Every structure is written in C-alpha cells, then in structure tokens.
Protein backbone atom coordinates (compact mmCIF):
# COMPACT_ATOMS: atom_id res chain seq x y z
CA MET A 1 90.67 84.26 116.20
CA PRO A 2 87.89 81.69 115.99
CA LYS A 3 85.12 81.87 113.41
CA THR A 4 85.67 85.42 112.22
CA LYS A 5 88.31 86.54 109.76
CA ILE A 6 89.51 90.01 110.72
CA ALA A 7 91.45 90.85 107.59
CA GLY A 8 92.31 89.46 104.19
CA LYS A 9 94.48 86.40 103.88
CA THR A 10 98.19 86.82 103.48
CA ARG A 11 99.69 83.68 102.04
CA VAL A 12 103.10 83.13 103.48
CA GLY A 13 105.66 82.23 100.88
CA LYS A 14 108.47 80.08 102.18
CA PRO A 15 111.73 79.39 100.46
CA GLU A 16 112.72 75.85 101.34
CA SER A 17 115.89 75.38 103.35
CA ALA A 18 118.75 74.43 101.11
CA PRO A 19 120.02 70.85 101.33
CA ALA A 20 123.15 70.49 103.42
CA LYS A 21 125.14 69.29 100.39
CA ASP A 22 123.97 72.00 97.98
CA LYS A 23 127.25 73.43 96.72
CA TYR A 24 125.50 76.55 95.41
CA PHE A 25 123.93 77.46 98.76
CA SER A 26 125.37 80.66 100.29
CA ARG A 27 125.58 80.44 104.07
CA ALA A 28 126.50 84.13 104.27
CA VAL A 29 123.32 85.16 102.46
CA SER A 30 121.28 82.84 104.67
CA LYS A 31 122.72 84.41 107.81
CA ALA A 32 122.10 87.92 106.45
CA LEU A 33 118.44 87.05 105.91
CA GLU A 34 118.25 85.67 109.44
CA VAL A 35 119.49 89.01 110.77
CA LEU A 36 116.81 90.91 108.84
CA GLU A 37 114.14 88.47 110.02
CA PHE A 38 114.72 88.76 113.76
CA LEU A 39 115.45 92.50 113.64
CA GLN A 40 112.03 92.89 112.01
CA THR A 41 110.41 90.61 114.58
CA GLU A 42 111.99 92.43 117.54
CA GLY A 43 111.11 95.89 116.26
CA THR A 44 113.92 97.36 118.37
CA SER A 45 117.72 97.56 118.29
CA LEU A 46 119.86 94.60 119.35
CA GLN A 47 123.40 94.39 120.65
CA MET A 48 125.96 92.85 118.30
CA ASN A 49 126.76 90.23 120.97
CA GLU A 50 123.11 89.14 121.06
CA ILE A 51 122.99 88.94 117.28
CA ALA A 52 126.16 86.83 117.26
CA LEU A 53 124.60 84.49 119.81
CA ARG A 54 121.46 84.03 117.72
CA LEU A 55 123.42 83.52 114.52
CA LYS A 56 125.80 81.10 116.24
CA LEU A 57 128.71 83.00 114.70
CA SER A 58 131.88 84.52 116.08
CA LYS A 59 131.86 88.23 116.91
CA THR A 60 134.26 88.88 114.03
CA SER A 61 132.00 87.17 111.47
CA THR A 62 128.94 88.89 112.89
CA PHE A 63 130.59 92.31 112.75
CA ARG A 64 131.59 91.71 109.11
CA LEU A 65 128.03 90.71 108.26
CA LEU A 66 126.46 93.68 110.06
CA HIS A 67 128.98 96.09 108.55
CA THR A 68 128.03 94.85 105.07
CA LEU A 69 124.29 95.23 105.76
CA GLU A 70 124.89 98.70 107.20
CA THR A 71 127.00 99.76 104.20
CA LEU A 72 124.21 98.60 101.87
CA GLY A 73 121.62 100.50 103.89
CA TYR A 74 119.67 97.55 105.29
CA VAL A 75 120.51 98.19 108.96
CA THR A 76 121.67 101.17 110.98
CA SER A 77 123.87 101.35 114.07
CA ASP A 78 123.70 103.76 116.99
CA GLY A 79 127.49 103.72 117.28
CA ARG A 80 127.36 101.62 120.45
CA SER A 81 127.18 98.22 118.75
CA ARG A 82 123.38 98.21 118.62
CA TYR A 83 121.67 97.54 115.28
CA ILE A 84 118.15 98.02 113.95
CA LEU A 85 116.46 97.74 110.55
CA SER A 86 116.76 100.90 108.46
CA PRO A 87 113.51 102.80 107.77
CA GLY A 88 111.64 101.37 104.78
CA ILE A 89 113.38 97.99 104.83
CA HIS A 90 110.50 96.02 106.38
CA ALA A 91 108.90 95.34 103.01
CA VAL A 92 111.87 93.38 101.67
CA THR A 93 112.45 91.26 104.76
CA PRO A 94 111.69 87.62 103.82
CA THR A 95 109.37 85.25 105.68
CA GLN A 96 111.72 82.27 105.66
CA TRP A 97 111.41 81.86 109.42
CA VAL A 98 107.63 81.47 109.13
CA GLY A 99 108.09 78.72 106.58
CA LYS A 100 110.41 76.89 108.95
CA LEU A 101 108.04 77.49 111.86
CA VAL A 102 105.03 76.02 110.04
CA LYS A 103 107.02 73.05 108.76
CA VAL A 104 108.36 72.15 112.20
CA ALA A 105 105.11 72.89 114.05
CA SER A 106 102.67 71.02 111.77
CA PRO A 107 103.22 67.53 113.31
CA TYR A 108 102.80 68.99 116.79
CA LEU A 109 99.54 70.70 115.85
CA GLN A 110 98.31 67.41 114.40
CA ALA A 111 99.18 65.58 117.63
CA LEU A 112 97.51 68.26 119.75
CA ASN A 113 94.42 68.06 117.56
CA MET A 114 94.27 64.27 117.95
CA GLU A 115 94.85 64.40 121.71
CA LEU A 116 92.14 66.97 122.48
CA ALA A 117 89.89 66.65 119.41
CA GLU A 118 89.68 70.44 119.21
CA THR A 119 90.94 73.06 116.75
CA ALA A 120 94.69 73.69 117.09
CA SER A 121 96.25 76.84 115.65
CA LEU A 122 99.64 78.49 115.23
CA ALA A 123 100.18 82.25 115.04
CA ALA A 124 103.28 84.27 114.26
CA LEU A 125 104.40 87.82 114.95
CA PHE A 126 105.02 90.05 111.94
CA ASP A 127 106.08 93.69 111.88
CA ASN A 128 102.74 95.18 112.95
CA ARG A 129 100.40 92.23 113.37
CA VAL A 130 99.85 88.75 114.78
CA GLU A 131 98.67 86.38 112.06
CA VAL A 132 97.34 82.81 111.96
CA VAL A 133 99.81 80.75 109.90
CA ALA A 134 98.52 77.18 110.45
CA VAL A 135 95.23 75.57 111.54
CA ILE A 136 94.13 71.98 112.18
CA GLU A 137 90.35 71.92 112.56
CA SER A 138 88.47 69.96 115.21
CA PRO A 139 86.80 66.75 113.92
CA HIS A 140 83.57 67.67 115.74
CA VAL A 141 80.59 68.99 113.76
CA ILE A 142 80.16 71.72 116.37
CA ARG A 143 83.55 73.34 116.74
CA MET A 144 85.44 76.59 117.09
CA SER A 145 87.13 77.26 113.76
CA ASN A 146 90.06 79.47 112.86
CA VAL A 147 90.97 81.06 109.53
CA LEU A 148 94.41 80.84 107.96
CA GLY A 149 95.70 84.36 107.38
CA SER A 150 93.49 86.01 110.00
CA ILE A 151 94.95 89.07 111.71
CA LEU A 152 94.40 88.62 115.44
CA PRO A 153 93.33 91.34 117.88
CA PRO A 154 96.04 91.83 120.52
CA ASN A 155 93.41 92.81 123.11
CA ALA A 156 90.96 89.93 122.65
CA SER A 157 92.31 86.80 120.93
CA SER A 158 94.23 84.44 123.20
CA LEU A 159 96.93 84.10 120.53
CA GLY A 160 97.07 87.86 120.03
CA LYS A 161 97.21 88.54 123.77
CA VAL A 162 99.86 85.94 124.58
CA ILE A 163 102.23 87.14 121.83
CA ALA A 164 101.64 90.83 122.62
CA ALA A 165 102.21 90.23 126.35
CA PHE A 166 105.79 89.07 125.78
CA GLN A 167 106.86 91.91 123.49
CA ALA A 168 108.79 95.02 124.43
CA PRO A 169 106.41 97.90 125.29
CA GLU A 170 107.15 99.67 121.99
CA GLN A 171 106.28 96.60 119.92
CA ARG A 172 103.15 95.93 121.98
CA GLU A 173 101.94 99.49 121.42
CA LYS A 174 102.66 99.13 117.72
CA LEU A 175 100.41 96.06 117.56
CA LEU A 176 97.63 97.85 119.42
CA ARG A 177 97.88 100.96 117.25
CA SER A 178 97.88 98.91 114.08
CA PHE A 179 94.84 96.76 114.92
CA LYS A 180 93.09 99.28 117.19
CA ILE A 181 91.21 98.23 120.32
CA TYR A 182 87.83 96.92 119.21
CA ARG A 183 85.00 95.52 121.33
CA PHE A 184 83.81 92.22 119.84
CA THR A 185 81.61 91.08 122.74
CA GLU A 186 80.65 92.36 126.17
CA HIS A 187 83.65 90.38 127.52
CA THR A 188 86.29 92.11 125.33
CA ILE A 189 88.92 94.07 127.25
CA THR A 190 89.02 97.64 125.96
CA ASP A 191 90.24 99.55 129.01
CA GLN A 192 93.99 100.23 128.79
CA ARG A 193 94.64 99.72 132.50
CA THR A 194 92.74 96.43 132.57
CA LEU A 195 94.57 95.32 129.43
CA SER A 196 97.95 96.11 131.00
CA GLN A 197 96.96 94.01 134.02
CA GLU A 198 95.92 91.21 131.67
CA TYR A 199 99.32 91.27 129.93
CA GLU A 200 101.11 91.16 133.30
CA ARG A 201 98.99 88.18 134.38
CA ILE A 202 99.78 86.39 131.10
CA ARG A 203 103.52 86.97 131.54
CA GLN A 204 103.40 85.52 135.04
CA GLN A 205 101.30 82.45 134.24
CA LYS A 206 102.68 81.94 130.70
CA TYR A 207 99.33 81.34 129.06
CA ALA A 208 96.33 83.35 127.89
CA ILE A 209 92.62 82.58 127.75
CA ASP A 210 89.98 84.19 125.56
CA ARG A 211 86.65 83.63 127.33
CA GLU A 212 84.13 84.80 124.74
CA GLU A 213 86.22 87.93 124.17
CA CYS A 214 86.32 87.46 120.39
CA THR A 215 83.11 85.54 119.80
CA TYR A 216 80.28 84.30 121.97
CA GLU A 217 80.22 80.63 123.00
CA GLY A 218 83.93 80.22 122.30
CA VAL A 219 86.87 79.72 124.68
CA CYS A 220 90.48 79.68 123.45
CA PHE A 221 93.67 78.78 125.30
CA SER A 222 97.15 79.85 124.12
CA VAL A 223 100.75 79.52 125.25
CA PRO A 224 103.85 81.28 123.91
CA VAL A 225 106.65 79.51 122.05
CA PHE A 226 109.96 80.81 123.41
CA ASP A 227 113.05 80.86 121.23
CA PRO A 228 116.52 80.02 122.64
CA ALA A 229 117.02 83.69 123.57
CA GLY A 230 113.76 83.76 125.53
CA GLN A 231 111.90 85.83 122.95
CA VAL A 232 108.35 85.13 121.74
CA SER A 233 107.53 85.37 118.03
CA SER A 234 104.86 82.66 117.85
CA ALA A 235 102.23 80.89 119.92
CA ILE A 236 99.93 77.88 119.74
CA SER A 237 96.30 77.59 120.77
CA VAL A 238 93.36 75.26 121.26
CA SER A 239 89.85 76.58 120.57
CA VAL A 240 86.88 74.94 122.28
CA PRO A 241 83.11 75.55 122.25
CA LYS A 242 82.07 76.85 125.65
CA SER A 243 79.71 73.90 126.05
CA ARG A 244 82.65 71.44 126.04
CA VAL A 245 84.74 73.29 128.63
CA ARG A 246 83.75 71.04 131.51
CA ASP A 247 85.57 72.50 134.51
CA SER A 248 88.83 74.04 135.73
CA GLU A 249 90.50 70.62 135.80
CA TYR A 250 89.80 70.17 132.09
CA GLU A 251 91.12 73.67 131.40
CA GLY A 252 94.30 72.70 133.25
CA GLN A 253 94.67 69.62 131.04
CA ILE A 254 94.41 71.75 127.91
CA ILE A 255 96.97 74.27 129.17
CA ALA A 256 99.35 71.49 130.23
CA ALA A 257 99.07 69.87 126.78
CA LEU A 258 99.80 73.23 125.16
CA HIS A 259 102.87 73.80 127.35
CA ARG A 260 104.23 70.33 126.56
CA THR A 261 103.74 70.96 122.86
CA ALA A 262 105.34 74.41 122.99
CA GLU A 263 108.40 73.06 124.80
CA ARG A 264 108.92 70.29 122.23
CA LEU A 265 108.39 72.76 119.41
CA LYS A 266 110.95 75.12 120.96
CA GLN A 267 113.53 72.34 121.08
CA ASP A 268 112.95 71.27 117.48
CA LEU A 269 113.03 74.86 116.20
CA ALA A 270 116.44 75.31 117.84
CA LEU A 271 117.72 72.34 115.85
CA ALA A 272 116.03 73.18 112.55
C-alpha cells in the first residue's frame, strides 16, 4: 500500500536453505515444514494426492509424513484423505517459503524497477493478512512509496485485491474480517457487491489496479504469482504517481511487464 503503513512491521525471519551436500540436513523435516507452510497459506483442507504432488513425493511417503504430523497433533484428517492444520498450530508454522520467495524475487523486482523507473513491490499471503515483504523504491524524487511490513487492505490495495481475488471464498472472507473494510478515499470500494464484482473482474483479467483507492494521486498495478498448482500466495506490483500515468497504452505496458516478470518468477520458484 503506497505511502501509508497500515500496521506495525513484521520482520520475516528466513532460515536459509541447506546446502545440497550438507550431511546433517534432514529432508524429512524440510518436507514436513513445507506441508505446514502451504496448509497455513491455503487455510482449507487439501487432498493427500494434492499434497503429494506439491511435495514431489510418492503417495506412500506423503502418507507416512502426514500420519506422523497427525499423530503429533499438527494436522487433522477428515477421514477421507483430506488434511488441514490443527487449531492453534498457526503460530508455530515457519516462514521459510517467504524467505525463498524474497530471495528469488529480488532480482526480478530490481529489473522491473530499472525498466519502468517506478516503485516495485512484492507481497505475500499469511494466515489472516497480505503483507509487503520486499520493496525497490523508484529513483524519482516524486514517487509512490511502499513500506516493508505493511499490512495491505484486501478491498483497496492492488496487491491486497489481486491476492484476495484468487483465494477460496473462506480465505477471502477471513482476510476481509481481519483487516475490515475501510474507506481510505472517495474511490475506495466498500460495498460488498461491488467488491465481489471487482474480484471477479480481477480473476478474469489476471491483474488489479488501485486508482487512488488507497491514497490520492497514486495508481498501483498488480499481478498474481501462480505456483505450479495454480494457487496464488504472492503478487508483484508497480506504483506510479497519477501524473506519470500517461494513457491506457502506457498502463498496458506496465501490466505486460508485470506479467512477464511474474511468469519468470513462477518458473524460478518451481526450481528453487
């Protein structure tokens, strides 16, 4: 969210990925943490087959891992091979995936910043919020800034809207309940029906725009970053002073640059 910090900073700690030749590294523990991470991100139950696909493990290995986590009380099963985080477990779920996300995305944000000379930002989905996790500021004296650690409004910020739009209805409602629906400017969407239509439009076009919805004289463009399973847990944006948004053709150039960046980021994240 440009200029204004909505909530206090939350510094994201990130354990570094273990070197491939580290003989003390436990792959089983790493995979268990991955399970907890994406179950937290999804906020809903997942089929064992889907979990196996994401972990890139056999069904037998995945079942053994899930059975262990269930026995220890970290996940629960509905008896039909669907698993979800147990109540109260959110607080111990690590943020390793955010560390990887920021590490992989940083060069792309730098390139986007150099190409457009505007502020480039990265946001990630947490349990009940969308948070800015990386920012590269515009070199211009007059610019739209962003604040690392800001909690983004899911009804106004382009990053907040584009991530919320691609969540399951339950997760989207959770984000809206947590942040509440505030009016920041006369352009902010506060009507539930209009907001639902906005989310549908974002899903169809695969980008979101904040036209002075968070702050006057600011326009922000965002696109989702899809993971290999087609889920959205992060997004990238470019924030521009209204005075430098020349015309619809220029807007199209910004959105195209964002889509190219998101696609490259998606590919690199799959390999990381």
